[in-house]
Amino acid sequence: MLTLIIFSYLRAMKRWLFVSLMLPLVLLVAAQSQSKWTDRGYAYMEQDSLAQAEECFKRAVEAAPTSKQNVMLLTNLGTVQRRRGKLLDAIESYTLALNYSPLDVAILMSRATAYMALGNDDKAYIDLCNVLDKQTDHAEALYYRAFIYTGRREYAAARADYKRLLALQPDHENGLLGLALLDHREGRLQTAELQLTALVERHPSNATYLQARANVLIERQLYDLALLDLEGAIALQPTDAYLYVARAELYLKMKRRTAAKSDLDRAVALGLPRISLSELYKQCE
């Protein structure tokens, strides 16, 4: 009986030694496999071969499911998927990465912007708040949260975030534009016009600023000045169909129906469906 017990013990020890000796080898093989797929993924990213890069990063994660490298790999996978327009897959990858590192600012920002691209501002808002709880001076998070606040009509909160952003970066263009558009929404037309004029003077080749100022001038019923801005914007972006629609709407306010119809025709020629402009066409009759 004692001999049987000793024999069983020795057999168990051999099995344990075999496993303990093999485990590092298995881990080494897994690490090497993961490294191989990772290198291929980066190579494909550099070549902009995103479908192949996505597959390689998936294989890299599968090769070593418990590896610390998976935070980086899942983040890269999410970025590739987002670039491919696979936003739901990207969010899933970012979420898996956050399981490894729950308060990683870069990953939270990536997931927040993916949520916003899907129109899910509520979930994006949670991620942005988590970023700002950890890093109060994160400019991008302040800008996006202010944008969400504006969409919710929470103007006081939006203004607070824009002011914090501009205190950090006084020349932040999107922040300056966002604050000007917020003033426009709240009816502070002269303030908005002054802010947009400063942007136009600083960036005269930016059609967006010209169009934004034109919208303010239209509300102030300064139609001739608004027309100058829209003409300037069209000169900068002559293939933007929506600029022609904006000028057509202004022409209608100025009772210039023939000019309005011409601009609508131009917008249709540039690709806008005529049926979507039917109400404006009726006003041209």
C-alpha atoms as a PDB file:
ATOM      1  CA  MET A   1       0.000   0.000   0.000  1.00  0.00           C
ATOM      2  CA  LEU A   2       2.829   2.346   0.918  1.00  0.00           C
ATOM      3  CA  THR A   3       4.525   1.548  -2.376  1.00  0.00           C
ATOM      4  CA  LEU A   4       1.339   2.457  -4.273  1.00  0.00           C
ATOM      5  CA  ILE A   5       1.077   5.758  -2.438  1.00  0.00           C
ATOM      6  CA  ILE A   6       4.702   6.604  -3.179  1.00  0.00           C
ATOM      7  CA  PHE A   7       4.228   5.631  -6.833  1.00  0.00           C
ATOM      8  CA  SER A   8       1.140   7.848  -7.125  1.00  0.00           C
ATOM      9  CA  TYR A   9       2.985  10.747  -5.472  1.00  0.00           C
ATOM     10  CA  LEU A  10       5.954  10.415  -7.814  1.00  0.00           C
ATOM     11  CA  ARG A  11       3.646  10.284 -10.849  1.00  0.00           C
ATOM     12  CA  ALA A  12       1.844  13.441  -9.658  1.00  0.00           C
ATOM     13  CA  MET A  13       5.185  15.173  -9.135  1.00  0.00           C
ATOM     14  CA  LYS A  14       6.298  14.264 -12.636  1.00  0.00           C
ATOM     15  CA  ARG A  15       3.057  15.640 -14.026  1.00  0.00           C
ATOM     16  CA  TRP A  16       3.491  18.863 -12.038  1.00  0.00           C
ATOM     17  CA  LEU A  17       7.082  19.233 -13.155  1.00  0.00           C
ATOM     18  CA  PHE A  18       6.063  18.661 -16.760  1.00  0.00           C
ATOM     19  CA  VAL A  19       3.335  21.348 -16.549  1.00  0.00           C
ATOM     20  CA  SER A  20       5.581  23.782 -14.689  1.00  0.00           C
ATOM     21  CA  LEU A  21       8.312  23.326 -17.271  1.00  0.00           C
ATOM     22  CA  MET A  22       5.944  23.551 -20.212  1.00  0.00           C
ATOM     23  CA  LEU A  23       4.031  26.637 -19.011  1.00  0.00           C
ATOM     24  CA  PRO A  24       6.837  29.145 -19.675  1.00  0.00           C
ATOM     25  CA  LEU A  25       7.314  27.560 -23.095  1.00  0.00           C
ATOM     26  CA  VAL A  26       3.590  27.902 -23.875  1.00  0.00           C
ATOM     27  CA  LEU A  27       3.619  31.508 -22.716  1.00  0.00           C
ATOM     28  CA  LEU A  28       6.723  32.199 -24.801  1.00  0.00           C
ATOM     29  CA  VAL A  29       5.093  30.732 -27.911  1.00  0.00           C
ATOM     30  CA  ALA A  30       1.935  32.763 -27.288  1.00  0.00           C
ATOM     31  CA  ALA A  31       3.979  35.943 -26.830  1.00  0.00           C
ATOM     32  CA  GLN A  32       5.902  35.289 -30.029  1.00  0.00           C
ATOM     33  CA  SER A  33       2.678  34.652 -31.924  1.00  0.00           C
ATOM     34  CA  GLN A  34       1.151  37.827 -30.546  1.00  0.00           C
ATOM     35  CA  SER A  35       4.243  39.806 -31.479  1.00  0.00           C
ATOM     36  CA  LYS A  36       4.110  38.417 -35.023  1.00  0.00           C
ATOM     37  CA  TRP A  37       0.459  39.430 -35.524  1.00  0.00           C
ATOM     38  CA  THR A  38       1.054  42.803 -33.886  1.00  0.00           C
ATOM     39  CA  ASP A  39       3.935  43.631 -36.217  1.00  0.00           C
ATOM     40  CA  ARG A  40       1.834  42.634 -39.213  1.00  0.00           C
ATOM     41  CA  GLY A  41      -1.041  44.786 -37.980  1.00  0.00           C
ATOM     42  CA  TYR A  42       1.160  47.874 -37.729  1.00  0.00           C
ATOM     43  CA  ALA A  43       2.645  47.185 -41.157  1.00  0.00           C
ATOM     44  CA  TYR A  44      -0.815  46.985 -42.702  1.00  0.00           C
ATOM     45  CA  MET A  45      -1.849  50.191 -40.911  1.00  0.00           C
ATOM     46  CA  GLU A  46       1.115  52.013 -42.434  1.00  0.00           C
ATOM     47  CA  GLN A  47       0.002  50.759 -45.850  1.00  0.00           C
ATOM     48  CA  ASP A  48      -3.575  51.866 -45.075  1.00  0.00           C
ATOM     49  CA  SER A  49      -4.695  48.259 -45.580  1.00  0.00           C
ATOM     50  CA  LEU A  50      -7.253  48.520 -42.814  1.00  0.00           C
ATOM     51  CA  ALA A  51      -9.137  45.245 -43.341  1.00  0.00           C
ATOM     52  CA  GLN A  52      -5.910  43.273 -43.045  1.00  0.00           C
ATOM     53  CA  ALA A  53      -4.775  45.347 -40.049  1.00  0.00           C
ATOM     54  CA  GLU A  54      -8.064  44.649 -38.286  1.00  0.00           C
ATOM     55  CA  GLU A  55      -7.686  40.901 -38.785  1.00  0.00           C
ATOM     56  CA  CYS A  56      -4.097  40.948 -37.541  1.00  0.00           C
ATOM     57  CA  PHE A  57      -4.943  42.828 -34.353  1.00  0.00           C
ATOM     58  CA  LYS A  58      -7.779  40.387 -33.671  1.00  0.00           C
ATOM     59  CA  ARG A  59      -5.370  37.469 -34.111  1.00  0.00           C
ATOM     60  CA  ALA A  60      -2.859  39.172 -31.823  1.00  0.00           C
ATOM     61  CA  VAL A  61      -5.417  39.457 -29.026  1.00  0.00           C
ATOM     62  CA  GLU A  62      -6.546  35.842 -29.518  1.00  0.00           C
ATOM     63  CA  ALA A  63      -2.937  34.625 -29.408  1.00  0.00           C
ATOM     64  CA  ALA A  64      -2.482  35.796 -25.803  1.00  0.00           C
ATOM     65  CA  PRO A  65      -5.852  36.639 -24.204  1.00  0.00           C
ATOM     66  CA  THR A  66      -4.332  37.563 -20.819  1.00  0.00           C
ATOM     67  CA  SER A  67      -1.448  39.664 -22.148  1.00  0.00           C
ATOM     68  CA  LYS A  68      -0.951  43.174 -20.800  1.00  0.00           C
ATOM     69  CA  GLN A  69      -0.405  44.245 -24.406  1.00  0.00           C
ATOM     70  CA  ASN A  70      -4.098  43.749 -25.127  1.00  0.00           C
ATOM     71  CA  VAL A  71      -5.002  47.243 -23.906  1.00  0.00           C
ATOM     72  CA  MET A  72      -2.909  48.701 -26.702  1.00  0.00           C
ATOM     73  CA  LEU A  73      -3.986  46.077 -29.229  1.00  0.00           C
ATOM     74  CA  LEU A  74      -7.708  46.525 -28.563  1.00  0.00           C
ATOM     75  CA  THR A  75      -7.318  50.293 -28.741  1.00  0.00           C
ATOM     76  CA  ASN A  76      -5.575  50.019 -32.112  1.00  0.00           C
ATOM     77  CA  LEU A  77      -8.233  47.571 -33.246  1.00  0.00           C
ATOM     78  CA  GLY A  78     -10.949  50.068 -32.303  1.00  0.00           C
ATOM     79  CA  THR A  79      -9.177  52.841 -34.172  1.00  0.00           C
ATOM     80  CA  VAL A  80      -8.882  50.716 -37.318  1.00  0.00           C
ATOM     81  CA  GLN A  81     -12.548  49.741 -37.071  1.00  0.00           C
ATOM     82  CA  ARG A  82     -13.577  53.359 -36.630  1.00  0.00           C
ATOM     83  CA  ARG A  83     -11.564  54.361 -39.699  1.00  0.00           C
ATOM     84  CA  ARG A  84     -13.414  51.624 -41.589  1.00  0.00           C
ATOM     85  CA  GLY A  85     -16.749  53.067 -40.476  1.00  0.00           C
ATOM     86  CA  LYS A  86     -17.473  50.084 -38.195  1.00  0.00           C
ATOM     87  CA  LEU A  87     -18.432  52.252 -35.244  1.00  0.00           C
ATOM     88  CA  LEU A  88     -20.282  49.619 -33.218  1.00  0.00           C
ATOM     89  CA  ASP A  89     -17.330  47.227 -33.504  1.00  0.00           C
ATOM     90  CA  ALA A  90     -14.968  50.054 -32.569  1.00  0.00           C
ATOM     91  CA  ILE A  91     -16.996  50.837 -29.445  1.00  0.00           C
ATOM     92  CA  GLU A  92     -16.931  47.164 -28.468  1.00  0.00           C
ATOM     93  CA  SER A  93     -13.139  47.064 -28.864  1.00  0.00           C
ATOM     94  CA  TYR A  94     -12.676  50.250 -26.830  1.00  0.00           C
ATOM     95  CA  THR A  95     -14.965  48.837 -24.141  1.00  0.00           C
ATOM     96  CA  LEU A  96     -12.891  45.638 -23.934  1.00  0.00           C
ATOM     97  CA  ALA A  97      -9.745  47.766 -23.654  1.00  0.00           C
ATOM     98  CA  LEU A  98     -11.336  49.740 -20.819  1.00  0.00           C
ATOM     99  CA  ASN A  99     -11.981  46.476 -18.988  1.00  0.00           C
ATOM    100  CA  TYR A 100      -8.201  46.233 -18.649  1.00  0.00           C
ATOM    101  CA  SER A 101      -7.700  49.953 -17.921  1.00  0.00           C
ATOM    102  CA  PRO A 102     -11.020  51.536 -16.829  1.00  0.00           C
ATOM    103  CA  LEU A 103      -9.935  55.172 -16.599  1.00  0.00           C
ATOM    104  CA  ASP A 104      -7.560  55.443 -19.546  1.00  0.00           C
ATOM    105  CA  VAL A 105      -8.162  58.962 -20.855  1.00  0.00           C
ATOM    106  CA  ALA A 106      -7.155  58.267 -24.457  1.00  0.00           C
ATOM    107  CA  ILE A 107      -9.447  55.237 -24.736  1.00  0.00           C
ATOM    108  CA  LEU A 108     -12.360  57.072 -23.104  1.00  0.00           C
ATOM    109  CA  MET A 109     -11.930  59.916 -25.600  1.00  0.00           C
ATOM    110  CA  SER A 110     -11.824  57.491 -28.510  1.00  0.00           C
ATOM    111  CA  ARG A 111     -15.007  55.785 -27.370  1.00  0.00           C
ATOM    112  CA  ALA A 112     -16.709  59.133 -26.703  1.00  0.00           C
ATOM    113  CA  THR A 113     -16.045  60.374 -30.237  1.00  0.00           C
ATOM    114  CA  ALA A 114     -17.264  57.055 -31.654  1.00  0.00           C
ATOM    115  CA  TYR A 115     -20.470  57.399 -29.637  1.00  0.00           C
ATOM    116  CA  MET A 116     -20.915  60.960 -30.939  1.00  0.00           C
ATOM    117  CA  ALA A 117     -20.417  59.797 -34.515  1.00  0.00           C
ATOM    118  CA  LEU A 118     -23.289  57.374 -33.916  1.00  0.00           C
ATOM    119  CA  GLY A 119     -25.427  60.159 -32.461  1.00  0.00           C
ATOM    120  CA  ASN A 120     -25.351  58.635 -28.973  1.00  0.00           C
ATOM    121  CA  ASP A 121     -24.456  61.825 -27.129  1.00  0.00           C
ATOM    122  CA  ASP A 122     -25.686  60.544 -23.751  1.00  0.00           C
ATOM    123  CA  LYS A 123     -23.084  57.777 -23.586  1.00  0.00           C
ATOM    124  CA  ALA A 124     -20.430  60.082 -25.017  1.00  0.00           C
ATOM    125  CA  TYR A 125     -21.255  62.580 -22.271  1.00  0.00           C
ATOM    126  CA  ILE A 126     -20.549  59.974 -19.561  1.00  0.00           C
ATOM    127  CA  ASP A 127     -17.135  59.184 -21.050  1.00  0.00           C
ATOM    128  CA  LEU A 128     -16.290  62.881 -21.390  1.00  0.00           C
ATOM    129  CA  CYS A 129     -17.247  63.535 -17.776  1.00  0.00           C
ATOM    130  CA  ASN A 130     -15.020  60.653 -16.674  1.00  0.00           C
ATOM    131  CA  VAL A 131     -12.149  62.150 -18.661  1.00  0.00           C
ATOM    132  CA  LEU A 132     -12.663  65.572 -17.092  1.00  0.00           C
ATOM    133  CA  ASP A 133     -12.947  64.083 -13.608  1.00  0.00           C
ATOM    134  CA  LYS A 134      -9.471  62.666 -14.100  1.00  0.00           C
ATOM    135  CA  GLN A 135      -7.981  65.472 -16.194  1.00  0.00           C
ATOM    136  CA  THR A 136      -9.814  68.773 -15.662  1.00  0.00           C
ATOM    137  CA  ASP A 137      -7.862  70.646 -18.327  1.00  0.00           C
ATOM    138  CA  HIS A 138      -8.475  68.213 -21.199  1.00  0.00           C
ATOM    139  CA  ALA A 139      -9.241  70.637 -24.044  1.00  0.00           C
ATOM    140  CA  GLU A 140     -10.817  68.170 -26.446  1.00  0.00           C
ATOM    141  CA  ALA A 141     -13.141  66.785 -23.766  1.00  0.00           C
ATOM    142  CA  LEU A 142     -14.223  70.304 -22.795  1.00  0.00           C
ATOM    143  CA  TYR A 143     -14.990  71.141 -26.423  1.00  0.00           C
ATOM    144  CA  TYR A 144     -17.041  68.029 -27.095  1.00  0.00           C
ATOM    145  CA  ARG A 145     -18.945  68.289 -23.822  1.00  0.00           C
ATOM    146  CA  ALA A 146     -19.756  71.942 -24.559  1.00  0.00           C
ATOM    147  CA  PHE A 147     -21.020  70.821 -27.970  1.00  0.00           C
ATOM    148  CA  ILE A 148     -23.292  68.246 -26.305  1.00  0.00           C
ATOM    149  CA  TYR A 149     -24.530  70.789 -23.777  1.00  0.00           C
ATOM    150  CA  THR A 150     -25.406  73.145 -26.635  1.00  0.00           C
ATOM    151  CA  GLY A 151     -27.408  70.426 -28.366  1.00  0.00           C
ATOM    152  CA  ARG A 152     -29.273  69.828 -25.114  1.00  0.00           C
ATOM    153  CA  ARG A 153     -29.968  73.561 -24.795  1.00  0.00           C
ATOM    154  CA  GLU A 154     -28.015  73.593 -21.543  1.00  0.00           C
ATOM    155  CA  TYR A 155     -26.435  76.867 -22.562  1.00  0.00           C
ATOM    156  CA  ALA A 156     -25.034  77.915 -19.181  1.00  0.00           C
ATOM    157  CA  ALA A 157     -23.115  74.633 -18.864  1.00  0.00           C
ATOM    158  CA  ALA A 158     -21.924  74.904 -22.478  1.00  0.00           C
ATOM    159  CA  ARG A 159     -20.689  78.446 -21.911  1.00  0.00           C
ATOM    160  CA  ALA A 160     -18.810  77.366 -18.776  1.00  0.00           C
ATOM    161  CA  ASP A 161     -16.986  74.623 -20.700  1.00  0.00           C
ATOM    162  CA  TYR A 162     -16.164  76.932 -23.614  1.00  0.00           C
ATOM    163  CA  LYS A 163     -14.770  79.522 -21.219  1.00  0.00           C
ATOM    164  CA  ARG A 164     -12.650  76.910 -19.440  1.00  0.00           C
ATOM    165  CA  LEU A 165     -11.388  75.720 -22.821  1.00  0.00           C
ATOM    166  CA  LEU A 166     -10.519  79.211 -24.010  1.00  0.00           C
ATOM    167  CA  ALA A 167      -8.832  80.039 -20.720  1.00  0.00           C
ATOM    168  CA  LEU A 168      -6.540  77.093 -21.426  1.00  0.00           C
ATOM    169  CA  GLN A 169      -6.160  77.749 -25.160  1.00  0.00           C
ATOM    170  CA  PRO A 170      -7.249  81.287 -26.116  1.00  0.00           C
ATOM    171  CA  ASP A 171      -6.723  80.589 -29.830  1.00  0.00           C
ATOM    172  CA  HIS A 172      -8.674  77.316 -29.948  1.00  0.00           C
ATOM    173  CA  GLU A 173     -10.569  77.815 -33.226  1.00  0.00           C
ATOM    174  CA  ASN A 174     -13.361  75.329 -32.602  1.00  0.00           C
ATOM    175  CA  GLY A 175     -13.828  76.744 -29.127  1.00  0.00           C
ATOM    176  CA  LEU A 176     -14.077  80.290 -30.467  1.00  0.00           C
ATOM    177  CA  LEU A 177     -16.517  79.205 -33.164  1.00  0.00           C
ATOM    178  CA  GLY A 178     -18.570  77.208 -30.677  1.00  0.00           C
ATOM    179  CA  LEU A 179     -18.856  80.175 -28.325  1.00  0.00           C
ATOM    180  CA  ALA A 180     -19.874  82.441 -31.214  1.00  0.00           C
ATOM    181  CA  LEU A 181     -22.545  79.971 -32.337  1.00  0.00           C
ATOM    182  CA  LEU A 182     -23.752  79.712 -28.741  1.00  0.00           C
ATOM    183  CA  ASP A 183     -24.101  83.498 -28.583  1.00  0.00           C
ATOM    184  CA  HIS A 184     -26.031  83.318 -31.853  1.00  0.00           C
ATOM    185  CA  ARG A 185     -28.402  80.712 -30.399  1.00  0.00           C
ATOM    186  CA  GLU A 186     -28.988  82.818 -27.309  1.00  0.00           C
ATOM    187  CA  GLY A 187     -29.749  85.899 -29.396  1.00  0.00           C
ATOM    188  CA  ARG A 188     -26.546  87.790 -28.604  1.00  0.00           C
ATOM    189  CA  LEU A 189     -26.210  88.717 -32.238  1.00  0.00           C
ATOM    190  CA  GLN A 190     -23.802  91.616 -32.029  1.00  0.00           C
ATOM    191  CA  THR A 191     -21.456  89.670 -29.755  1.00  0.00           C
ATOM    192  CA  ALA A 192     -21.607  86.689 -32.099  1.00  0.00           C
ATOM    193  CA  GLU A 193     -20.899  88.903 -35.108  1.00  0.00           C
ATOM    194  CA  LEU A 194     -17.846  90.432 -33.424  1.00  0.00           C
ATOM    195  CA  GLN A 195     -16.483  87.016 -32.526  1.00  0.00           C
ATOM    196  CA  LEU A 196     -17.011  85.682 -36.040  1.00  0.00           C
ATOM    197  CA  THR A 197     -15.473  88.794 -37.571  1.00  0.00           C
ATOM    198  CA  ALA A 198     -12.335  88.158 -35.524  1.00  0.00           C
ATOM    199  CA  LEU A 199     -12.239  84.586 -36.862  1.00  0.00           C
ATOM    200  CA  VAL A 200     -12.811  85.741 -40.451  1.00  0.00           C
ATOM    201  CA  GLU A 201     -10.013  88.301 -40.176  1.00  0.00           C
ATOM    202  CA  ARG A 202      -7.667  85.693 -38.731  1.00  0.00           C
ATOM    203  CA  HIS A 203      -8.653  82.997 -41.250  1.00  0.00           C
ATOM    204  CA  PRO A 204      -9.939  84.734 -44.396  1.00  0.00           C
ATOM    205  CA  SER A 205      -9.846  81.523 -46.436  1.00  0.00           C
ATOM    206  CA  ASN A 206     -12.223  79.643 -44.119  1.00  0.00           C
ATOM    207  CA  ALA A 207     -15.675  79.455 -45.725  1.00  0.00           C
ATOM    208  CA  THR A 208     -17.287  78.113 -42.542  1.00  0.00           C
ATOM    209  CA  TYR A 209     -16.610  81.335 -40.659  1.00  0.00           C
ATOM    210  CA  LEU A 210     -17.990  83.438 -43.508  1.00  0.00           C
ATOM    211  CA  GLN A 211     -21.185  81.391 -43.652  1.00  0.00           C
ATOM    212  CA  ALA A 212     -21.601  81.516 -39.875  1.00  0.00           C
ATOM    213  CA  ARG A 213     -21.267  85.313 -39.928  1.00  0.00           C
ATOM    214  CA  ALA A 214     -23.705  85.503 -42.841  1.00  0.00           C
ATOM    215  CA  ASN A 215     -26.287  83.642 -40.741  1.00  0.00           C
ATOM    216  CA  VAL A 216     -25.911  86.181 -37.942  1.00  0.00           C
ATOM    217  CA  LEU A 217     -26.150  89.087 -40.387  1.00  0.00           C
ATOM    218  CA  ILE A 218     -29.327  87.606 -41.880  1.00  0.00           C
ATOM    219  CA  GLU A 219     -30.937  87.515 -38.438  1.00  0.00           C
ATOM    220  CA  ARG A 220     -29.946  91.151 -38.022  1.00  0.00           C
ATOM    221  CA  GLN A 221     -31.586  91.763 -41.435  1.00  0.00           C
ATOM    222  CA  LEU A 222     -28.321  93.069 -42.846  1.00  0.00           C
ATOM    223  CA  TYR A 223     -28.904  91.225 -46.094  1.00  0.00           C
ATOM    224  CA  ASP A 224     -26.392  93.012 -48.310  1.00  0.00           C
ATOM    225  CA  LEU A 225     -23.552  92.295 -45.876  1.00  0.00           C
ATOM    226  CA  ALA A 226     -24.695  88.697 -45.517  1.00  0.00           C
ATOM    227  CA  LEU A 227     -24.676  88.334 -49.299  1.00  0.00           C
ATOM    228  CA  LEU A 228     -21.069  89.478 -49.438  1.00  0.00           C
ATOM    229  CA  ASP A 229     -20.103  86.782 -46.942  1.00  0.00           C
ATOM    230  CA  LEU A 230     -21.955  84.042 -48.820  1.00  0.00           C
ATOM    231  CA  GLU A 231     -20.394  85.130 -52.091  1.00  0.00           C
ATOM    232  CA  GLY A 232     -16.999  84.961 -50.415  1.00  0.00           C
ATOM    233  CA  ALA A 233     -17.738  81.491 -49.061  1.00  0.00           C
ATOM    234  CA  ILE A 234     -18.864  80.264 -52.498  1.00  0.00           C
ATOM    235  CA  ALA A 235     -15.728  81.676 -54.081  1.00  0.00           C
ATOM    236  CA  LEU A 236     -13.707  79.592 -51.611  1.00  0.00           C
ATOM    237  CA  GLN A 237     -15.814  76.428 -52.004  1.00  0.00           C
ATOM    238  CA  PRO A 238     -17.570  76.599 -55.390  1.00  0.00           C
ATOM    239  CA  THR A 239     -18.636  72.934 -55.303  1.00  0.00           C
ATOM    240  CA  ASP A 240     -20.445  73.123 -51.946  1.00  0.00           C
ATOM    241  CA  ALA A 241     -24.117  72.679 -52.895  1.00  0.00           C
ATOM    242  CA  TYR A 242     -25.367  73.813 -49.490  1.00  0.00           C
ATOM    243  CA  LEU A 243     -23.762  77.224 -49.886  1.00  0.00           C
ATOM    244  CA  TYR A 244     -25.871  77.797 -53.005  1.00  0.00           C
ATOM    245  CA  VAL A 245     -28.980  76.799 -51.062  1.00  0.00           C
ATOM    246  CA  ALA A 246     -28.036  79.258 -48.307  1.00  0.00           C
ATOM    247  CA  ARG A 247     -27.607  82.030 -50.865  1.00  0.00           C
ATOM    248  CA  ALA A 248     -30.893  81.072 -52.561  1.00  0.00           C
ATOM    249  CA  GLU A 249     -32.688  81.428 -49.220  1.00  0.00           C
ATOM    250  CA  LEU A 250     -31.110  84.839 -48.776  1.00  0.00           C
ATOM    251  CA  TYR A 251     -32.121  85.885 -52.310  1.00  0.00           C
ATOM    252  CA  LEU A 252     -35.710  84.926 -51.485  1.00  0.00           C
ATOM    253  CA  LYS A 253     -35.632  87.197 -48.444  1.00  0.00           C
ATOM    254  CA  MET A 254     -34.367  89.930 -50.784  1.00  0.00           C
ATOM    255  CA  LYS A 255     -37.208  89.187 -53.266  1.00  0.00           C
ATOM    256  CA  ARG A 256     -34.700  88.150 -55.943  1.00  0.00           C
ATOM    257  CA  ARG A 257     -36.524  85.045 -57.142  1.00  0.00           C
ATOM    258  CA  THR A 258     -34.695  84.577 -60.442  1.00  0.00           C
ATOM    259  CA  ALA A 259     -31.317  84.619 -58.711  1.00  0.00           C
ATOM    260  CA  ALA A 260     -32.654  82.233 -56.051  1.00  0.00           C
ATOM    261  CA  LYS A 261     -33.852  79.744 -58.675  1.00  0.00           C
ATOM    262  CA  SER A 262     -30.496  79.888 -60.419  1.00  0.00           C
ATOM    263  CA  ASP A 263     -28.732  78.992 -57.189  1.00  0.00           C
ATOM    264  CA  LEU A 264     -31.151  76.139 -56.521  1.00  0.00           C
ATOM    265  CA  ASP A 265     -30.490  74.781 -60.003  1.00  0.00           C
ATOM    266  CA  ARG A 266     -26.783  74.970 -59.281  1.00  0.00           C
ATOM    267  CA  ALA A 267     -27.262  73.020 -56.021  1.00  0.00           C
ATOM    268  CA  VAL A 268     -29.185  70.315 -57.892  1.00  0.00           C
ATOM    269  CA  ALA A 269     -26.454  70.140 -60.511  1.00  0.00           C
ATOM    270  CA  LEU A 270     -23.975  69.576 -57.689  1.00  0.00           C
ATOM    271  CA  GLY A 271     -25.917  66.574 -56.423  1.00  0.00           C
ATOM    272  CA  LEU A 272     -28.719  67.682 -54.089  1.00  0.00           C
ATOM    273  CA  PRO A 273     -32.055  65.987 -54.911  1.00  0.00           C
ATOM    274  CA  ARG A 274     -34.495  68.459 -56.428  1.00  0.00           C
ATOM    275  CA  ILE A 275     -37.348  67.096 -54.325  1.00  0.00           C
ATOM    276  CA  SER A 276     -35.578  68.183 -51.145  1.00  0.00           C
ATOM    277  CA  LEU A 277     -35.646  71.775 -52.434  1.00  0.00           C
ATOM    278  CA  SER A 278     -39.257  71.727 -53.640  1.00  0.00           C
ATOM    279  CA  GLU A 279     -40.508  74.247 -51.069  1.00  0.00           C
ATOM    280  CA  LEU A 280     -37.812  76.727 -52.033  1.00  0.00           C
ATOM    281  CA  TYR A 281     -38.568  76.231 -55.721  1.00  0.00           C
ATOM    282  CA  LYS A 282     -42.218  77.079 -55.022  1.00  0.00           C
ATOM    283  CA  GLN A 283     -41.142  80.351 -53.451  1.00  0.00           C
ATOM    284  CA  CYS A 284     -39.296  81.197 -56.666  1.00  0.00           C
ATOM    285  CA  GLU A 285     -42.480  81.116 -58.757  1.00  0.00           C
END
